[in-house]
């Protein structure tokens, strides 16, 4: 999706977190190399917390937005929770970790 829509303005930002079953135990550089092995060539940031008192401020903000709230509460339930943010910086939709990225892609046309 990144390669397909980057020229139209899509930016995908990855934020690894080890808060879910300790699935991200590696260093930041190890995580980035692992992602590249799956052709993930989008921006990958340093490992952060997304829940709890040490949650990164960006994630606290995302979860507080009207369209950023989860169905069963605001906590991030698992890795691969996705947020769609428009060009004005507004959260327009939150996607569960179980939703395939193709669901996000279907919504992109309205915002690119």
Protein backbone atom coordinates (compact mmCIF):
# COMPACT_ATOMS: atom_id res chain seq x y z
CA UNK A 1 0.00 0.00 0.00
CA UNK A 2 2.87 2.36 0.81
CA UNK A 3 4.49 1.93 -2.60
CA UNK A 4 1.16 2.17 -4.39
CA UNK A 5 -0.08 5.40 -2.76
CA UNK A 6 3.00 7.28 -1.51
CA UNK A 7 3.03 9.58 -4.54
CA UNK A 8 -0.59 10.48 -3.81
CA UNK A 9 0.31 11.54 -0.28
CA UNK A 10 -0.02 8.39 1.84
CA UNK A 11 2.42 8.05 4.70
CA UNK A 12 2.48 4.88 6.76
CA UNK A 13 4.11 5.14 10.15
CA UNK A 14 5.01 2.02 12.13
CA UNK A 15 5.35 2.07 15.91
CA UNK A 16 6.56 -1.25 17.32
CA UNK A 17 5.49 -2.13 20.86
CA UNK A 18 6.50 -5.02 23.07
CA UNK A 19 3.34 -4.73 25.16
CA UNK A 20 1.54 -7.55 23.34
CA UNK A 21 2.80 -11.01 24.15
CA UNK A 22 6.36 -9.68 24.01
CA UNK A 23 6.30 -9.96 20.22
CA UNK A 24 8.85 -7.17 19.72
CA UNK A 25 11.75 -8.12 22.02
CA UNK A 26 14.47 -6.98 19.61
CA UNK A 27 16.32 -3.73 19.39
CA UNK A 28 14.99 -0.95 17.19
CA UNK A 29 17.46 -1.80 14.42
CA UNK A 30 16.56 -5.52 14.61
CA UNK A 31 12.86 -4.69 14.33
CA UNK A 32 13.49 -2.44 11.30
CA UNK A 33 15.51 -5.16 9.56
CA UNK A 34 12.80 -7.74 10.26
CA UNK A 35 10.15 -5.41 8.81
CA UNK A 36 12.25 -4.83 5.68
CA UNK A 37 12.37 -8.59 5.13
CA UNK A 38 8.59 -8.31 4.59
CA UNK A 39 9.01 -5.36 2.18
CA UNK A 40 7.85 -2.89 4.82
CA UNK A 41 9.63 0.17 3.48
CA UNK A 42 7.56 2.76 5.33
CA UNK A 43 8.74 4.86 8.27
CA UNK A 44 9.40 2.67 11.29
CA UNK A 45 9.88 4.46 14.59
CA UNK A 46 11.48 3.35 17.84
CA UNK A 47 9.72 0.88 20.07
CA UNK A 48 7.20 2.57 22.37
CA UNK A 49 4.43 1.83 24.85
CA UNK A 50 0.92 2.44 23.53
CA UNK A 51 -1.03 1.63 26.69
CA UNK A 52 -0.75 2.47 30.36
CA UNK A 53 0.91 5.34 32.20
CA UNK A 54 4.04 5.17 30.01
CA UNK A 55 2.09 5.32 26.71
CA UNK A 56 3.62 7.64 24.16
CA UNK A 57 1.77 11.00 23.98
CA UNK A 58 0.85 10.40 20.31
CA UNK A 59 -0.97 7.21 21.23
CA UNK A 60 -2.69 8.83 24.17
CA UNK A 61 -3.95 11.51 21.77
CA UNK A 62 -5.01 9.01 19.08
CA UNK A 63 -7.10 7.04 21.56
CA UNK A 64 -8.82 10.20 22.84
CA UNK A 65 -10.05 11.37 19.43
CA UNK A 66 -13.74 10.80 18.62
CA UNK A 67 -12.91 8.48 15.70
CA UNK A 68 -9.94 6.97 17.52
CA UNK A 69 -11.89 5.28 20.27
CA UNK A 70 -12.06 1.53 20.27
CA UNK A 71 -15.22 -0.52 20.23
CA UNK A 72 -14.51 -2.09 23.62
CA UNK A 73 -12.67 0.79 25.25
CA UNK A 74 -9.77 2.95 24.21
CA UNK A 75 -6.89 0.62 25.00
CA UNK A 76 -4.92 -0.85 22.14
CA UNK A 77 -5.76 -4.55 22.24
CA UNK A 78 -2.99 -5.95 20.05
CA UNK A 79 -0.26 -5.03 17.57
CA UNK A 80 -1.43 -3.85 14.16
CA UNK A 81 -4.16 -1.54 15.39
CA UNK A 82 -4.38 1.03 12.60
CA UNK A 83 -5.52 4.65 12.46
CA UNK A 84 -6.42 6.60 9.33
CA UNK A 85 -5.61 10.29 9.66
CA UNK A 86 -6.62 12.86 7.05
CA UNK A 87 -4.50 15.68 5.61
CA UNK A 88 -5.74 18.05 8.33
CA UNK A 89 -4.44 15.74 11.05
CA UNK A 90 -7.86 14.45 12.13
CA UNK A 91 -8.37 10.81 13.03
CA UNK A 92 -11.07 9.61 10.64
CA UNK A 93 -11.13 5.92 11.51
CA UNK A 94 -9.63 3.29 13.77
CA UNK A 95 -9.18 -0.29 12.53
CA UNK A 96 -8.83 -3.36 14.70
CA UNK A 97 -5.72 -5.51 14.51
CA UNK A 98 -7.86 -8.22 12.91
CA UNK A 99 -8.87 -6.01 9.97
CA UNK A 100 -6.77 -6.62 6.90
CA UNK A 101 -4.97 -3.57 5.46
CA UNK A 102 -7.18 -3.94 2.37
CA UNK A 103 -10.03 -2.55 4.51
CA UNK A 104 -7.95 0.57 5.10
CA UNK A 105 -7.08 0.75 1.40
CA UNK A 106 -10.78 0.79 0.51
CA UNK A 107 -11.19 3.99 2.59
CA UNK A 108 -8.13 5.80 1.21
CA UNK A 109 -9.73 7.24 -1.92
CA UNK A 110 -11.77 9.68 0.17
CA UNK A 111 -8.66 11.13 1.79
CA UNK A 112 -5.85 11.12 -0.80
